[in-house]
Amino acid sequence: MTNYNSIGKLAATFGVKGELVLVHHLGQKTALKGVPAIFIEIKRDELLPYFVEEARVKNETELFIKLEGINSKEEARNFLQKQVWLPEETVQQFTNKTAPISYLGFHIIDNGTDIGEILEVIEQPHQLLCRIDLDGKEALIPMHQETLLKVDKKKKEVHVQLPDGLLDIFR
């Protein structure tokens, strides 16, 4: 079974021919060259493939993307604010190794205890939030300079020291 990772969202339309602006978290300029399709989360936990006709770089965190079957600004508006997903292997190909999204699949270690695998990285202005599955429930773990101790890329571990009681909120 293929695992998918969210790389960003469709933030705006561009022009009148159905182009969209994809805001991504890959950490480098990319036009996703060679990617035949992206997956869009139309409804929660429902990913549908859309074939890429054309993609080109706008800047470090955005690209223009034209999808097959979307040929007007009005049609493109239906996709605004939708999450875009790619297969995990594809995300690894296009991700800068220092980008926060590169921590997907790493395990969070709090005081020597593995509390879960990072399933999603949510970037915010002053911190990152890492979504994990904690005892069958979704938990958002904050990552900032006060909680992050070290990152072990070889072992795929993120070592943190979380505030007392934080995990109790999610249990």
N, C-alpha and C. Protein backbone atom coordinates (compact mmCIF):
# COMPACT_ATOMS: atom_id res chain seq x y z
N MET A 1 0.84 -1.19 0.00
CA MET A 1 0.00 0.00 0.00
C MET A 1 0.88 1.25 0.00
N THR A 2 0.54 2.20 -0.81
CA THR A 2 1.31 3.43 -0.91
C THR A 2 0.90 4.40 0.19
N ASN A 3 1.91 4.98 0.84
CA ASN A 3 1.65 6.03 1.82
C ASN A 3 1.77 7.37 1.11
N TYR A 4 0.91 8.30 1.49
CA TYR A 4 0.90 9.63 0.88
C TYR A 4 1.22 10.67 1.93
N ASN A 5 1.91 11.74 1.51
CA ASN A 5 2.23 12.85 2.39
C ASN A 5 1.69 14.14 1.79
N SER A 6 1.17 14.99 2.66
CA SER A 6 0.69 16.30 2.22
C SER A 6 1.90 17.19 1.95
N ILE A 7 1.89 17.87 0.81
CA ILE A 7 3.00 18.76 0.49
C ILE A 7 2.58 20.23 0.53
N GLY A 8 1.30 20.50 0.69
CA GLY A 8 0.82 21.88 0.72
C GLY A 8 -0.63 21.96 0.31
N LYS A 9 -1.01 23.16 -0.14
CA LYS A 9 -2.41 23.34 -0.55
C LYS A 9 -2.51 24.26 -1.75
N LEU A 10 -3.64 24.18 -2.41
CA LEU A 10 -3.92 25.04 -3.55
C LEU A 10 -4.48 26.35 -3.01
N ALA A 11 -3.73 27.42 -3.20
CA ALA A 11 -4.03 28.67 -2.51
C ALA A 11 -4.74 29.72 -3.37
N ALA A 12 -4.57 29.64 -4.68
CA ALA A 12 -5.15 30.69 -5.53
C ALA A 12 -5.29 30.18 -6.96
N THR A 13 -6.12 30.90 -7.72
CA THR A 13 -6.20 30.64 -9.15
C THR A 13 -5.24 31.61 -9.83
N PHE A 14 -4.87 31.28 -11.08
CA PHE A 14 -3.99 32.16 -11.83
C PHE A 14 -4.45 32.15 -13.28
N GLY A 15 -4.69 33.32 -13.80
CA GLY A 15 -5.12 33.44 -15.19
C GLY A 15 -6.55 32.96 -15.39
N VAL A 16 -6.92 32.75 -16.66
CA VAL A 16 -8.30 32.38 -16.99
C VAL A 16 -8.42 30.97 -17.56
N LYS A 17 -7.30 30.23 -17.62
CA LYS A 17 -7.32 28.90 -18.23
C LYS A 17 -7.29 27.77 -17.21
N GLY A 18 -7.57 28.08 -15.92
CA GLY A 18 -7.68 27.03 -14.92
C GLY A 18 -6.41 26.71 -14.16
N GLU A 19 -5.39 27.55 -14.29
CA GLU A 19 -4.17 27.31 -13.51
C GLU A 19 -4.40 27.61 -12.05
N LEU A 20 -3.66 26.89 -11.20
CA LEU A 20 -3.73 27.08 -9.75
C LEU A 20 -2.35 27.37 -9.21
N VAL A 21 -2.32 28.00 -8.03
CA VAL A 21 -1.05 28.23 -7.33
C VAL A 21 -0.99 27.23 -6.18
N LEU A 22 0.03 26.38 -6.22
CA LEU A 22 0.26 25.40 -5.17
C LEU A 22 1.31 25.95 -4.22
N VAL A 23 0.93 26.15 -2.96
CA VAL A 23 1.88 26.57 -1.92
C VAL A 23 2.36 25.29 -1.25
N HIS A 24 3.67 25.03 -1.36
CA HIS A 24 4.23 23.76 -0.87
C HIS A 24 5.24 23.99 0.26
N HIS A 25 5.57 22.88 0.93
CA HIS A 25 6.51 22.92 2.06
C HIS A 25 7.74 22.07 1.77
N LEU A 26 8.14 21.98 0.52
CA LEU A 26 9.24 21.10 0.14
C LEU A 26 10.61 21.70 0.43
N GLY A 27 10.67 22.99 0.72
CA GLY A 27 11.93 23.61 1.12
C GLY A 27 12.85 24.00 0.00
N GLN A 28 12.40 23.94 -1.23
CA GLN A 28 13.21 24.36 -2.37
C GLN A 28 12.33 24.62 -3.57
N LYS A 29 12.87 25.37 -4.54
CA LYS A 29 12.13 25.63 -5.77
C LYS A 29 11.96 24.32 -6.51
N THR A 30 10.76 24.09 -7.00
CA THR A 30 10.52 22.88 -7.78
C THR A 30 9.33 23.09 -8.69
N ALA A 31 9.37 22.40 -9.83
CA ALA A 31 8.23 22.37 -10.74
C ALA A 31 7.67 20.95 -10.78
N LEU A 32 8.11 20.11 -9.83
CA LEU A 32 7.66 18.71 -9.75
C LEU A 32 7.85 17.99 -11.09
N LYS A 33 8.99 18.24 -11.71
CA LYS A 33 9.28 17.65 -13.02
C LYS A 33 9.22 16.13 -12.95
N GLY A 34 8.46 15.55 -13.86
CA GLY A 34 8.34 14.10 -13.93
C GLY A 34 7.20 13.53 -13.10
N VAL A 35 6.50 14.37 -12.35
CA VAL A 35 5.36 13.91 -11.56
C VAL A 35 4.13 13.90 -12.47
N PRO A 36 3.58 12.72 -12.75
CA PRO A 36 2.45 12.66 -13.69
C PRO A 36 1.14 13.13 -13.07
N ALA A 37 0.98 12.93 -11.75
CA ALA A 37 -0.29 13.26 -11.11
C ALA A 37 -0.06 13.69 -9.67
N ILE A 38 -0.96 14.55 -9.20
CA ILE A 38 -1.00 14.91 -7.78
C ILE A 38 -2.32 14.36 -7.23
N PHE A 39 -2.39 14.26 -5.94
CA PHE A 39 -3.61 13.77 -5.30
C PHE A 39 -4.20 14.89 -4.47
N ILE A 40 -5.47 15.17 -4.67
CA ILE A 40 -6.13 16.28 -3.98
C ILE A 40 -7.16 15.69 -3.03
N GLU A 41 -7.14 16.21 -1.79
CA GLU A 41 -8.08 15.76 -0.78
C GLU A 41 -9.38 16.52 -0.95
N ILE A 42 -10.31 15.93 -1.70
CA ILE A 42 -11.59 16.56 -1.98
C ILE A 42 -12.46 16.56 -0.73
N LYS A 43 -12.54 15.41 -0.07
CA LYS A 43 -13.22 15.28 1.22
C LYS A 43 -12.20 14.68 2.18
N ARG A 44 -12.44 14.83 3.48
CA ARG A 44 -11.50 14.31 4.47
C ARG A 44 -11.21 12.82 4.21
N ASP A 45 -9.92 12.50 4.14
CA ASP A 45 -9.44 11.13 3.92
C ASP A 45 -9.86 10.55 2.57
N GLU A 46 -10.13 11.40 1.58
CA GLU A 46 -10.49 10.94 0.24
C GLU A 46 -9.59 11.64 -0.77
N LEU A 47 -8.59 10.92 -1.27
CA LEU A 47 -7.64 11.49 -2.21
C LEU A 47 -8.01 11.07 -3.63
N LEU A 48 -8.10 12.05 -4.52
CA LEU A 48 -8.39 11.77 -5.93
C LEU A 48 -7.21 12.23 -6.78
N PRO A 49 -6.80 11.41 -7.76
CA PRO A 49 -5.68 11.81 -8.62
C PRO A 49 -6.10 12.81 -9.69
N TYR A 50 -5.23 13.77 -9.94
CA TYR A 50 -5.42 14.73 -11.03
C TYR A 50 -4.11 14.78 -11.80
N PHE A 51 -4.22 14.62 -13.12
CA PHE A 51 -3.04 14.58 -13.96
C PHE A 51 -2.51 15.99 -14.22
N VAL A 52 -1.20 16.11 -14.15
CA VAL A 52 -0.53 17.40 -14.33
C VAL A 52 -0.26 17.63 -15.81
N GLU A 53 -0.84 18.71 -16.34
CA GLU A 53 -0.56 19.09 -17.74
C GLU A 53 0.73 19.89 -17.80
N GLU A 54 0.88 20.79 -16.83
CA GLU A 54 2.05 21.67 -16.82
C GLU A 54 2.26 22.18 -15.40
N ALA A 55 3.52 22.36 -15.03
CA ALA A 55 3.85 22.97 -13.74
C ALA A 55 5.12 23.79 -13.93
N ARG A 56 5.15 24.96 -13.30
CA ARG A 56 6.35 25.80 -13.39
C ARG A 56 6.53 26.56 -12.08
N VAL A 57 7.77 26.86 -11.78
CA VAL A 57 8.13 27.52 -10.54
C VAL A 57 7.62 28.95 -10.52
N LYS A 58 7.05 29.34 -9.40
CA LYS A 58 6.69 30.75 -9.17
C LYS A 58 7.73 31.38 -8.27
N ASN A 59 8.03 30.73 -7.14
CA ASN A 59 9.09 31.17 -6.23
C ASN A 59 9.49 29.99 -5.35
N GLU A 60 10.20 30.25 -4.28
CA GLU A 60 10.73 29.21 -3.39
C GLU A 60 9.65 28.28 -2.82
N THR A 61 8.45 28.81 -2.56
CA THR A 61 7.43 28.01 -1.89
C THR A 61 6.14 27.84 -2.71
N GLU A 62 6.15 28.33 -3.95
CA GLU A 62 4.93 28.26 -4.76
C GLU A 62 5.25 27.81 -6.18
N LEU A 63 4.27 27.15 -6.80
CA LEU A 63 4.39 26.85 -8.21
C LEU A 63 3.03 26.97 -8.87
N PHE A 64 3.07 27.28 -10.16
CA PHE A 64 1.86 27.33 -10.96
C PHE A 64 1.63 25.91 -11.47
N ILE A 65 0.39 25.44 -11.40
CA ILE A 65 0.10 24.09 -11.84
C ILE A 65 -1.20 24.08 -12.64
N LYS A 66 -1.15 23.40 -13.79
CA LYS A 66 -2.32 23.24 -14.66
C LYS A 66 -2.67 21.77 -14.65
N LEU A 67 -3.91 21.47 -14.25
CA LEU A 67 -4.36 20.10 -14.15
C LEU A 67 -5.31 19.75 -15.29
N GLU A 68 -5.22 18.53 -15.75
CA GLU A 68 -6.08 18.05 -16.83
C GLU A 68 -7.55 18.12 -16.41
N GLY A 69 -8.39 18.65 -17.29
CA GLY A 69 -9.83 18.71 -17.03
C GLY A 69 -10.28 19.97 -16.32
N ILE A 70 -9.34 20.81 -15.89
CA ILE A 70 -9.68 22.09 -15.25
C ILE A 70 -9.26 23.17 -16.24
N ASN A 71 -10.26 23.77 -16.91
CA ASN A 71 -9.94 24.66 -18.02
C ASN A 71 -10.44 26.09 -17.87
N SER A 72 -10.96 26.44 -16.70
CA SER A 72 -11.40 27.81 -16.50
C SER A 72 -11.12 28.22 -15.06
N LYS A 73 -11.11 29.52 -14.87
CA LYS A 73 -10.91 30.07 -13.53
C LYS A 73 -12.02 29.59 -12.59
N GLU A 74 -13.24 29.50 -13.11
CA GLU A 74 -14.38 29.08 -12.31
C GLU A 74 -14.23 27.64 -11.83
N GLU A 75 -13.78 26.76 -12.72
CA GLU A 75 -13.53 25.36 -12.33
C GLU A 75 -12.40 25.27 -11.31
N ALA A 76 -11.36 26.06 -11.51
CA ALA A 76 -10.20 26.05 -10.61
C ALA A 76 -10.58 26.50 -9.20
N ARG A 77 -11.53 27.42 -9.09
CA ARG A 77 -11.94 27.92 -7.76
C ARG A 77 -12.45 26.80 -6.85
N ASN A 78 -13.02 25.74 -7.43
CA ASN A 78 -13.52 24.61 -6.65
C ASN A 78 -12.41 23.88 -5.89
N PHE A 79 -11.17 24.12 -6.26
CA PHE A 79 -10.05 23.41 -5.65
C PHE A 79 -9.27 24.27 -4.64
N LEU A 80 -9.71 25.50 -4.46
CA LEU A 80 -8.99 26.38 -3.53
C LEU A 80 -9.06 25.85 -2.10
N GLN A 81 -7.93 25.97 -1.41
CA GLN A 81 -7.74 25.55 -0.02
C GLN A 81 -7.75 24.02 0.16
N LYS A 82 -7.66 23.28 -0.92
CA LYS A 82 -7.60 21.82 -0.83
C LYS A 82 -6.15 21.37 -0.64
N GLN A 83 -5.96 20.36 0.20
CA GLN A 83 -4.64 19.79 0.45
C GLN A 83 -4.18 18.98 -0.75
N VAL A 84 -2.88 19.05 -1.05
CA VAL A 84 -2.28 18.30 -2.15
C VAL A 84 -1.34 17.25 -1.55
N TRP A 85 -1.47 16.03 -2.06
CA TRP A 85 -0.70 14.91 -1.54
C TRP A 85 0.08 14.26 -2.67
N LEU A 86 1.23 13.66 -2.30
CA LEU A 86 2.03 12.87 -3.24
C LEU A 86 2.46 11.59 -2.54
N PRO A 87 2.79 10.55 -3.32
CA PRO A 87 3.33 9.34 -2.69
C PRO A 87 4.60 9.68 -1.91
N GLU A 88 4.81 8.98 -0.80
CA GLU A 88 5.93 9.25 0.10
C GLU A 88 7.28 9.26 -0.63
N GLU A 89 7.50 8.32 -1.55
CA GLU A 89 8.77 8.25 -2.27
C GLU A 89 8.98 9.51 -3.13
N THR A 90 7.91 10.00 -3.72
CA THR A 90 7.99 11.20 -4.56
C THR A 90 8.30 12.42 -3.70
N VAL A 91 7.67 12.51 -2.52
CA VAL A 91 7.94 13.63 -1.62
C VAL A 91 9.42 13.65 -1.24
N GLN A 92 9.99 12.49 -0.96
CA GLN A 92 11.40 12.43 -0.59
C GLN A 92 12.31 12.89 -1.72
N GLN A 93 11.93 12.62 -2.96
CA GLN A 93 12.72 13.06 -4.12
C GLN A 93 12.79 14.57 -4.23
N PHE A 94 11.69 15.25 -3.92
CA PHE A 94 11.60 16.68 -4.16
C PHE A 94 11.82 17.54 -2.91
N THR A 95 12.04 16.92 -1.76
CA THR A 95 12.18 17.67 -0.52
C THR A 95 13.63 18.01 -0.24
N ASN A 96 13.86 19.25 0.12
CA ASN A 96 15.16 19.67 0.61
C ASN A 96 15.39 18.95 1.93
N LYS A 97 16.58 18.43 2.14
CA LYS A 97 16.86 17.62 3.33
C LYS A 97 16.76 18.41 4.63
N THR A 98 16.77 19.73 4.56
CA THR A 98 16.64 20.54 5.78
C THR A 98 15.22 21.07 6.00
N ALA A 99 14.33 20.77 5.07
CA ALA A 99 12.94 21.24 5.21
C ALA A 99 12.23 20.44 6.29
N PRO A 100 11.38 21.09 7.08
CA PRO A 100 10.64 20.38 8.13
C PRO A 100 9.85 19.18 7.62
N ILE A 101 9.34 19.23 6.40
CA ILE A 101 8.58 18.11 5.86
C ILE A 101 9.44 16.86 5.74
N SER A 102 10.76 17.01 5.72
CA SER A 102 11.65 15.85 5.63
C SER A 102 11.61 15.00 6.90
N TYR A 103 10.98 15.49 7.97
CA TYR A 103 10.85 14.72 9.22
C TYR A 103 9.67 13.74 9.18
N LEU A 104 8.91 13.72 8.11
CA LEU A 104 7.82 12.75 8.00
C LEU A 104 8.39 11.34 8.12
N GLY A 105 7.76 10.52 8.94
CA GLY A 105 8.23 9.15 9.14
C GLY A 105 9.21 9.01 10.29
N PHE A 106 9.73 10.12 10.79
CA PHE A 106 10.61 10.08 11.96
C PHE A 106 9.77 9.78 13.20
N HIS A 107 10.40 9.28 14.24
CA HIS A 107 9.70 9.02 15.50
C HIS A 107 10.07 10.10 16.51
N ILE A 108 9.09 10.56 17.27
CA ILE A 108 9.33 11.55 18.32
C ILE A 108 9.67 10.81 19.60
N ILE A 109 10.80 11.18 20.17
CA ILE A 109 11.28 10.57 21.41
C ILE A 109 11.23 11.64 22.50
N ASP A 110 10.41 11.38 23.53
CA ASP A 110 10.27 12.30 24.66
C ASP A 110 10.84 11.63 25.90
N ASN A 111 11.93 12.19 26.42
CA ASN A 111 12.60 11.62 27.60
C ASN A 111 12.86 10.13 27.46
N GLY A 112 13.35 9.71 26.29
CA GLY A 112 13.70 8.32 26.06
C GLY A 112 12.55 7.42 25.63
N THR A 113 11.33 7.92 25.57
CA THR A 113 10.16 7.13 25.20
C THR A 113 9.68 7.52 23.81
N ASP A 114 9.51 6.51 22.95
CA ASP A 114 8.99 6.73 21.60
C ASP A 114 7.48 6.97 21.72
N ILE A 115 7.06 8.19 21.41
CA ILE A 115 5.63 8.50 21.55
C ILE A 115 4.86 8.41 20.24
N GLY A 116 5.56 8.22 19.12
CA GLY A 116 4.86 8.04 17.86
C GLY A 116 5.61 8.53 16.65
N GLU A 117 5.13 8.11 15.49
CA GLU A 117 5.70 8.49 14.21
C GLU A 117 5.07 9.79 13.73
N ILE A 118 5.87 10.66 13.14
CA ILE A 118 5.37 11.93 12.60
C ILE A 118 4.61 11.62 11.31
N LEU A 119 3.31 11.91 11.31
CA LEU A 119 2.43 11.64 10.18
C LEU A 119 2.22 12.87 9.30
N GLU A 120 2.38 14.06 9.92
CA GLU A 120 2.18 15.31 9.19
C GLU A 120 2.96 16.40 9.91
N VAL A 121 3.51 17.32 9.15
CA VAL A 121 4.21 18.48 9.70
C VAL A 121 3.43 19.72 9.30
N ILE A 122 3.04 20.50 10.31
CA ILE A 122 2.26 21.72 10.07
C ILE A 122 3.15 22.90 10.44
N GLU A 123 3.48 23.73 9.46
CA GLU A 123 4.35 24.87 9.70
C GLU A 123 3.54 26.07 10.15
N GLN A 124 3.98 26.67 11.26
CA GLN A 124 3.38 27.90 11.76
C GLN A 124 4.50 28.92 11.94
N PRO A 125 4.16 30.20 12.12
CA PRO A 125 5.21 31.22 12.16
C PRO A 125 6.31 30.98 13.21
N HIS A 126 5.96 30.56 14.43
CA HIS A 126 6.98 30.46 15.48
C HIS A 126 7.29 29.04 15.91
N GLN A 127 6.62 28.05 15.30
CA GLN A 127 6.87 26.67 15.66
C GLN A 127 6.33 25.73 14.59
N LEU A 128 6.73 24.49 14.71
CA LEU A 128 6.16 23.43 13.88
C LEU A 128 5.24 22.61 14.77
N LEU A 129 4.21 22.07 14.21
CA LEU A 129 3.37 21.10 14.90
C LEU A 129 3.51 19.78 14.15
N CYS A 130 3.78 18.72 14.89
CA CYS A 130 3.89 17.40 14.29
C CYS A 130 2.70 16.58 14.73
N ARG A 131 1.96 16.07 13.75
CA ARG A 131 0.80 15.23 14.07
C ARG A 131 1.26 13.80 14.19
N ILE A 132 0.89 13.17 15.31
CA ILE A 132 1.19 11.77 15.54
C ILE A 132 -0.08 11.04 15.97
N ASP A 133 -0.01 9.74 15.97
CA ASP A 133 -1.09 8.91 16.50
C ASP A 133 -0.63 8.49 17.89
N LEU A 134 -1.29 8.99 18.91
CA LEU A 134 -0.93 8.70 20.30
C LEU A 134 -2.04 7.84 20.92
N ASP A 135 -1.75 6.56 21.08
CA ASP A 135 -2.72 5.63 21.65
C ASP A 135 -4.06 5.68 20.92
N GLY A 136 -4.01 5.76 19.59
CA GLY A 136 -5.23 5.76 18.78
C GLY A 136 -5.91 7.10 18.62
N LYS A 137 -5.32 8.15 19.18
CA LYS A 137 -5.88 9.50 19.04
C LYS A 137 -4.87 10.42 18.38
N GLU A 138 -5.40 11.40 17.65
CA GLU A 138 -4.53 12.38 17.01
C GLU A 138 -3.96 13.32 18.06
N ALA A 139 -2.65 13.55 18.00
CA ALA A 139 -1.99 14.49 18.91
C ALA A 139 -1.10 15.42 18.10
N LEU A 140 -1.09 16.69 18.48
CA LEU A 140 -0.23 17.69 17.83
C LEU A 140 0.89 18.05 18.80
N ILE A 141 2.12 17.74 18.40
CA ILE A 141 3.29 17.96 19.24
C ILE A 141 4.02 19.20 18.74
N PRO A 142 4.19 20.22 19.61
CA PRO A 142 4.88 21.44 19.19
C PRO A 142 6.39 21.23 19.12
N MET A 143 6.99 21.80 18.10
CA MET A 143 8.45 21.76 17.94
C MET A 143 8.95 23.20 17.85
N HIS A 144 9.69 23.60 18.83
CA HIS A 144 10.35 24.90 18.79
C HIS A 144 11.60 24.80 19.63
N GLN A 145 12.36 25.88 19.73
CA GLN A 145 13.68 25.79 20.36
C GLN A 145 13.63 25.37 21.82
N GLU A 146 12.52 25.57 22.53
CA GLU A 146 12.45 25.16 23.93
C GLU A 146 12.16 23.68 24.09
N THR A 147 11.54 23.03 23.10
CA THR A 147 11.20 21.61 23.24
C THR A 147 12.13 20.69 22.45
N LEU A 148 12.71 21.16 21.37
CA LEU A 148 13.55 20.33 20.50
C LEU A 148 14.95 20.18 21.08
N LEU A 149 15.36 18.94 21.30
CA LEU A 149 16.69 18.67 21.83
C LEU A 149 17.67 18.34 20.72
N LYS A 150 17.32 17.37 19.86
CA LYS A 150 18.19 17.01 18.73
C LYS A 150 17.41 16.20 17.71
N VAL A 151 17.97 16.14 16.50
CA VAL A 151 17.40 15.34 15.42
C VAL A 151 18.48 14.34 15.00
N ASP A 152 18.14 13.06 15.05
CA ASP A 152 19.05 11.99 14.63
C ASP A 152 18.54 11.46 13.30
N LYS A 153 19.14 11.93 12.21
CA LYS A 153 18.64 11.56 10.87
C LYS A 153 18.93 10.11 10.55
N LYS A 154 20.02 9.55 11.08
CA LYS A 154 20.34 8.15 10.81
C LYS A 154 19.30 7.22 11.43
N LYS A 155 18.91 7.50 12.67
CA LYS A 155 17.91 6.67 13.36
C LYS A 155 16.49 7.12 13.08
N LYS A 156 16.34 8.24 12.36
CA LYS A 156 15.03 8.84 12.06
C LYS A 156 14.27 9.13 13.35
N GLU A 157 14.93 9.87 14.25
CA GLU A 157 14.35 10.23 15.54
C GLU A 157 14.46 11.73 15.78
N VAL A 158 13.41 12.28 16.38
CA VAL A 158 13.41 13.68 16.82
C VAL A 158 13.27 13.63 18.33
N HIS A 159 14.30 14.06 19.03
CA HIS A 159 14.30 14.03 20.49
C HIS A 159 13.79 15.37 21.03
N VAL A 160 12.79 15.28 21.92
CA VAL A 160 12.17 16.46 22.49
C VAL A 160 12.04 16.31 24.00
N GLN A 161 11.83 17.43 24.65
CA GLN A 161 11.48 17.45 26.06
C GLN A 161 10.19 18.26 26.16
N LEU A 162 9.08 17.54 26.26
CA LEU A 162 7.78 18.18 26.25
C LEU A 162 7.40 18.64 27.66
N PRO A 163 6.61 19.70 27.74
CA PRO A 163 6.14 20.18 29.05
C PRO A 163 5.32 19.09 29.76
N ASP A 164 5.45 19.03 31.07
CA ASP A 164 4.70 18.06 31.87
C ASP A 164 3.20 18.21 31.59
N GLY A 165 2.54 17.09 31.40
CA GLY A 165 1.09 17.08 31.22
C GLY A 165 0.61 17.31 29.80
N LEU A 166 1.52 17.68 28.87
CA LEU A 166 1.07 17.96 27.50
C LEU A 166 0.43 16.72 26.85
N LEU A 167 1.04 15.58 26.98
CA LEU A 167 0.49 14.36 26.37
C LEU A 167 -0.82 13.93 27.01
N ASP A 168 -1.02 14.28 28.29
CA ASP A 168 -2.27 13.93 28.98
C ASP A 168 -3.48 14.58 28.33
N ILE A 169 -3.28 15.72 27.69
CA ILE A 169 -4.37 16.44 27.02
C ILE A 169 -4.96 15.58 25.91
N PHE A 170 -4.10 14.80 25.24
CA PHE A 170 -4.51 14.02 24.07
C PHE A 170 -4.98 12.61 24.43
N ARG A 171 -4.74 12.18 25.63
CA ARG A 171 -5.10 10.80 26.02
C ARG A 171 -6.49 10.72 26.54
